[in-house]
């Protein structure tokens, strides 16, 4: 995987249908980041707790927490859970 290309961008996206391996790819990105000695924290959203423990990454659970994260690599799995636009309160936060 060419992690250098990902790290050059401020924002990257991985889009696919359900059960097409997005989480596995994100898992491999995290491993590559750690191998590259990334100088920052790795934060994730939407990962299962056992996976975050195994990968030794930090987790956030809301948009408010996301706003506080600085100088870090952030991976969001299940973005629809973070940006639930069906709730008026979330629309105001975004």
N, C-alpha and C. Protein backbone atom coordinates (compact mmCIF):
# COMPACT_ATOMS: atom_id res chain seq x y z
N UNK A 1 0.84 -1.18 0.00
CA UNK A 1 0.00 0.00 0.00
C UNK A 1 0.88 1.24 0.00
N UNK A 2 0.49 2.24 -0.72
CA UNK A 2 1.28 3.46 -0.82
C UNK A 2 0.77 4.48 0.20
N UNK A 3 1.14 4.26 1.45
CA UNK A 3 0.67 5.12 2.53
C UNK A 3 1.16 6.55 2.36
N UNK A 4 2.28 6.74 1.72
CA UNK A 4 2.82 8.08 1.50
C UNK A 4 1.83 8.94 0.72
N UNK A 5 1.15 8.34 -0.24
CA UNK A 5 0.16 9.08 -1.04
C UNK A 5 -1.01 9.51 -0.17
N UNK A 6 -1.41 8.66 0.75
CA UNK A 6 -2.52 9.00 1.65
C UNK A 6 -2.10 10.11 2.60
N UNK A 7 -0.90 10.01 3.15
CA UNK A 7 -0.45 11.00 4.13
C UNK A 7 -0.22 12.37 3.51
N UNK A 8 -0.01 12.45 2.21
CA UNK A 8 0.18 13.74 1.55
C UNK A 8 -1.12 14.55 1.49
N UNK A 9 -2.25 13.88 1.55
CA UNK A 9 -3.55 14.54 1.44
C UNK A 9 -4.07 14.94 2.81
N UNK A 10 -4.78 16.06 2.84
CA UNK A 10 -5.45 16.43 4.09
C UNK A 10 -6.66 15.54 4.33
N UNK A 11 -7.35 15.19 3.24
CA UNK A 11 -8.54 14.35 3.35
C UNK A 11 -8.51 13.31 2.24
N UNK A 12 -8.79 12.07 2.60
CA UNK A 12 -8.94 10.98 1.62
C UNK A 12 -10.23 10.25 1.95
N UNK A 13 -10.80 9.58 0.97
CA UNK A 13 -12.03 8.83 1.20
C UNK A 13 -11.91 7.44 0.59
N UNK A 14 -12.51 6.50 1.27
CA UNK A 14 -12.60 5.13 0.78
C UNK A 14 -14.08 4.80 0.71
N UNK A 15 -14.57 4.55 -0.48
CA UNK A 15 -16.00 4.33 -0.67
C UNK A 15 -16.23 2.98 -1.33
N UNK A 16 -17.13 2.21 -0.74
CA UNK A 16 -17.50 0.91 -1.30
C UNK A 16 -18.82 0.47 -0.68
N UNK A 17 -19.40 -0.56 -1.25
CA UNK A 17 -20.64 -1.12 -0.71
C UNK A 17 -20.35 -1.92 0.55
N UNK A 18 -21.40 -2.32 1.22
CA UNK A 18 -21.27 -3.16 2.42
C UNK A 18 -20.55 -4.46 2.09
N UNK A 19 -19.76 -4.90 3.04
CA UNK A 19 -19.05 -6.18 2.94
C UNK A 19 -18.07 -6.26 1.77
N UNK A 20 -17.46 -5.13 1.42
CA UNK A 20 -16.46 -5.13 0.35
C UNK A 20 -15.05 -4.87 0.88
N UNK A 21 -14.86 -4.91 2.21
CA UNK A 21 -13.53 -4.86 2.78
C UNK A 21 -13.01 -3.49 3.19
N UNK A 22 -13.89 -2.51 3.36
CA UNK A 22 -13.44 -1.16 3.74
C UNK A 22 -12.72 -1.19 5.09
N UNK A 23 -13.30 -1.86 6.07
CA UNK A 23 -12.70 -1.91 7.40
C UNK A 23 -11.34 -2.59 7.35
N UNK A 24 -11.21 -3.63 6.56
CA UNK A 24 -9.93 -4.32 6.42
C UNK A 24 -8.88 -3.38 5.81
N UNK A 25 -9.28 -2.60 4.82
CA UNK A 25 -8.36 -1.64 4.21
C UNK A 25 -7.95 -0.59 5.25
N UNK A 26 -8.91 -0.07 6.01
CA UNK A 26 -8.59 0.91 7.05
C UNK A 26 -7.66 0.31 8.09
N UNK A 27 -7.87 -0.94 8.44
CA UNK A 27 -7.00 -1.67 9.37
C UNK A 27 -5.57 -1.71 8.81
N UNK A 28 -5.43 -2.01 7.54
CA UNK A 28 -4.11 -2.05 6.91
C UNK A 28 -3.47 -0.67 6.83
N UNK A 29 -4.28 0.36 6.63
CA UNK A 29 -3.76 1.73 6.64
C UNK A 29 -3.19 2.06 8.01
N UNK A 30 -3.90 1.70 9.06
CA UNK A 30 -3.42 1.96 10.43
C UNK A 30 -2.09 1.26 10.67
N UNK A 31 -2.01 0.00 10.27
CA UNK A 31 -0.76 -0.74 10.45
C UNK A 31 0.38 -0.06 9.69
N UNK A 32 0.11 0.40 8.47
CA UNK A 32 1.14 1.08 7.68
C UNK A 32 1.56 2.39 8.33
N UNK A 33 0.60 3.12 8.85
CA UNK A 33 0.90 4.39 9.51
C UNK A 33 1.83 4.15 10.69
N UNK A 34 1.53 3.13 11.47
CA UNK A 34 2.36 2.83 12.63
C UNK A 34 3.76 2.38 12.21
N UNK A 35 3.86 1.65 11.12
CA UNK A 35 5.17 1.22 10.62
C UNK A 35 5.99 2.42 10.12
N UNK A 36 5.31 3.45 9.63
CA UNK A 36 5.98 4.65 9.12
C UNK A 36 6.34 5.61 10.26
N UNK A 37 6.05 5.23 11.50
CA UNK A 37 6.33 6.07 12.67
C UNK A 37 5.68 7.46 12.55
N UNK A 38 4.40 7.47 12.21
CA UNK A 38 3.64 8.71 12.11
C UNK A 38 3.74 9.47 13.43
N UNK A 39 4.07 10.75 13.36
CA UNK A 39 4.27 11.56 14.56
C UNK A 39 2.97 12.24 14.98
N UNK A 40 2.07 11.48 15.46
CA UNK A 40 0.77 11.98 15.92
C UNK A 40 -0.05 10.81 16.40
N UNK A 41 -1.23 11.11 16.87
CA UNK A 41 -2.12 10.05 17.33
C UNK A 41 -2.96 9.54 16.17
N UNK A 42 -3.41 8.32 16.31
CA UNK A 42 -4.35 7.75 15.35
C UNK A 42 -5.68 7.61 16.07
N UNK A 43 -6.71 8.28 15.53
CA UNK A 43 -8.05 8.27 16.10
C UNK A 43 -8.99 7.56 15.12
N UNK A 44 -9.95 6.81 15.67
CA UNK A 44 -10.92 6.12 14.81
C UNK A 44 -12.33 6.31 15.35
N UNK A 45 -13.28 6.17 14.43
CA UNK A 45 -14.70 6.18 14.78
C UNK A 45 -15.35 5.01 14.05
N UNK A 46 -16.22 4.30 14.74
CA UNK A 46 -16.99 3.23 14.10
C UNK A 46 -16.32 1.87 14.08
N UNK A 47 -15.17 1.74 14.70
CA UNK A 47 -14.48 0.46 14.77
C UNK A 47 -14.99 -0.32 15.99
N UNK A 48 -15.00 -1.63 15.90
CA UNK A 48 -15.37 -2.46 17.05
C UNK A 48 -14.30 -2.33 18.13
N UNK A 49 -14.73 -2.33 19.40
CA UNK A 49 -13.77 -2.16 20.50
C UNK A 49 -12.60 -3.14 20.48
N UNK A 50 -12.86 -4.39 20.13
CA UNK A 50 -11.76 -5.36 20.12
C UNK A 50 -10.71 -5.01 19.05
N UNK A 51 -11.14 -4.37 17.96
CA UNK A 51 -10.20 -3.96 16.91
C UNK A 51 -9.39 -2.74 17.37
N UNK A 52 -10.03 -1.79 18.02
CA UNK A 52 -9.30 -0.62 18.50
C UNK A 52 -8.28 -1.00 19.56
N UNK A 53 -8.62 -1.97 20.39
CA UNK A 53 -7.66 -2.45 21.40
C UNK A 53 -6.48 -3.13 20.73
N UNK A 54 -6.77 -3.97 19.75
CA UNK A 54 -5.72 -4.69 19.04
C UNK A 54 -4.77 -3.72 18.32
N UNK A 55 -5.34 -2.69 17.69
CA UNK A 55 -4.54 -1.74 16.92
C UNK A 55 -3.92 -0.64 17.78
N UNK A 56 -4.35 -0.55 19.03
CA UNK A 56 -3.85 0.46 19.98
C UNK A 56 -4.05 1.87 19.42
N UNK A 57 -5.30 2.18 19.08
CA UNK A 57 -5.67 3.50 18.59
C UNK A 57 -6.67 4.14 19.54
N UNK A 58 -6.81 5.44 19.43
CA UNK A 58 -7.77 6.17 20.25
C UNK A 58 -9.11 6.23 19.52
N UNK A 59 -10.18 6.37 20.29
CA UNK A 59 -11.50 6.45 19.68
C UNK A 59 -12.20 7.75 20.07
N UNK A 60 -13.06 8.21 19.19
CA UNK A 60 -13.94 9.33 19.52
C UNK A 60 -15.36 8.91 19.17
N UNK A 61 -16.33 9.55 19.82
CA UNK A 61 -17.71 9.09 19.68
C UNK A 61 -18.68 10.16 19.18
N UNK A 62 -18.19 11.37 18.92
CA UNK A 62 -19.11 12.42 18.50
C UNK A 62 -18.38 13.49 17.67
N UNK A 63 -19.19 14.32 17.02
CA UNK A 63 -18.64 15.44 16.26
C UNK A 63 -17.93 16.42 17.17
N UNK A 64 -18.47 16.62 18.36
CA UNK A 64 -17.82 17.55 19.30
C UNK A 64 -16.44 17.05 19.68
N UNK A 65 -16.29 15.76 19.92
CA UNK A 65 -14.97 15.20 20.22
C UNK A 65 -14.05 15.32 19.01
N UNK A 66 -14.57 15.09 17.81
CA UNK A 66 -13.78 15.18 16.59
C UNK A 66 -13.19 16.58 16.42
N UNK A 67 -13.97 17.60 16.75
CA UNK A 67 -13.50 18.98 16.62
C UNK A 67 -12.28 19.27 17.48
N UNK A 68 -12.10 18.54 18.55
CA UNK A 68 -10.99 18.78 19.47
C UNK A 68 -9.70 18.08 19.07
N UNK A 69 -9.76 17.17 18.11
CA UNK A 69 -8.58 16.39 17.72
C UNK A 69 -7.69 17.22 16.81
N UNK A 70 -6.42 17.29 17.15
CA UNK A 70 -5.45 18.07 16.37
C UNK A 70 -4.23 17.21 16.04
N UNK A 71 -3.56 17.52 14.93
CA UNK A 71 -2.30 16.87 14.54
C UNK A 71 -2.37 15.35 14.66
N UNK A 72 -3.41 14.79 14.09
CA UNK A 72 -3.64 13.35 14.21
C UNK A 72 -4.12 12.80 12.87
N UNK A 73 -4.03 11.48 12.76
CA UNK A 73 -4.57 10.77 11.61
C UNK A 73 -5.93 10.25 12.06
N UNK A 74 -6.99 10.59 11.33
CA UNK A 74 -8.35 10.26 11.73
C UNK A 74 -8.97 9.35 10.68
N UNK A 75 -9.51 8.22 11.14
CA UNK A 75 -10.19 7.29 10.24
C UNK A 75 -11.63 7.12 10.74
N UNK A 76 -12.56 7.26 9.82
CA UNK A 76 -13.98 7.13 10.16
C UNK A 76 -14.56 5.97 9.37
N UNK A 77 -15.05 4.97 10.09
CA UNK A 77 -15.76 3.85 9.49
C UNK A 77 -17.22 4.05 9.85
N UNK A 78 -18.12 3.76 8.96
CA UNK A 78 -19.55 3.96 9.20
C UNK A 78 -19.84 5.45 9.41
N UNK A 79 -19.49 6.24 8.43
CA UNK A 79 -19.63 7.69 8.54
C UNK A 79 -21.08 8.12 8.76
N UNK A 80 -22.02 7.33 8.29
CA UNK A 80 -23.43 7.65 8.50
C UNK A 80 -23.82 7.70 9.96
N UNK A 81 -23.10 6.96 10.80
CA UNK A 81 -23.38 6.99 12.24
C UNK A 81 -22.87 8.27 12.88
N UNK A 82 -21.82 8.85 12.34
CA UNK A 82 -21.26 10.09 12.88
C UNK A 82 -22.07 11.30 12.41
N UNK A 83 -22.41 11.31 11.14
CA UNK A 83 -23.17 12.42 10.56
C UNK A 83 -24.61 12.01 10.33
N UNK A 84 -25.32 11.72 11.40
CA UNK A 84 -26.73 11.32 11.32
C UNK A 84 -27.57 12.56 11.05
N UNK A 85 -27.84 12.80 9.80
CA UNK A 85 -28.54 14.03 9.41
C UNK A 85 -30.04 13.96 9.64
N UNK A 86 -30.53 12.82 10.10
CA UNK A 86 -31.95 12.73 10.42
C UNK A 86 -32.29 13.46 11.71
N UNK A 87 -31.29 13.79 12.49
CA UNK A 87 -31.51 14.50 13.74
C UNK A 87 -31.17 15.97 13.57
N UNK A 88 -32.11 16.83 13.87
CA UNK A 88 -31.92 18.28 13.70
C UNK A 88 -30.71 18.79 14.45
N UNK A 89 -30.45 18.29 15.66
CA UNK A 89 -29.31 18.73 16.45
C UNK A 89 -28.00 18.51 15.69
N UNK A 90 -27.86 17.38 15.03
CA UNK A 90 -26.64 17.09 14.27
C UNK A 90 -26.47 18.02 13.09
N UNK A 91 -27.55 18.39 12.42
CA UNK A 91 -27.44 19.33 11.30
C UNK A 91 -26.88 20.65 11.78
N UNK A 92 -27.30 21.09 12.96
CA UNK A 92 -26.80 22.35 13.50
C UNK A 92 -25.32 22.25 13.84
N UNK A 93 -24.87 21.09 14.33
CA UNK A 93 -23.46 20.92 14.69
C UNK A 93 -22.56 20.96 13.46
N UNK A 94 -23.02 20.37 12.36
CA UNK A 94 -22.22 20.31 11.15
C UNK A 94 -22.14 21.70 10.55
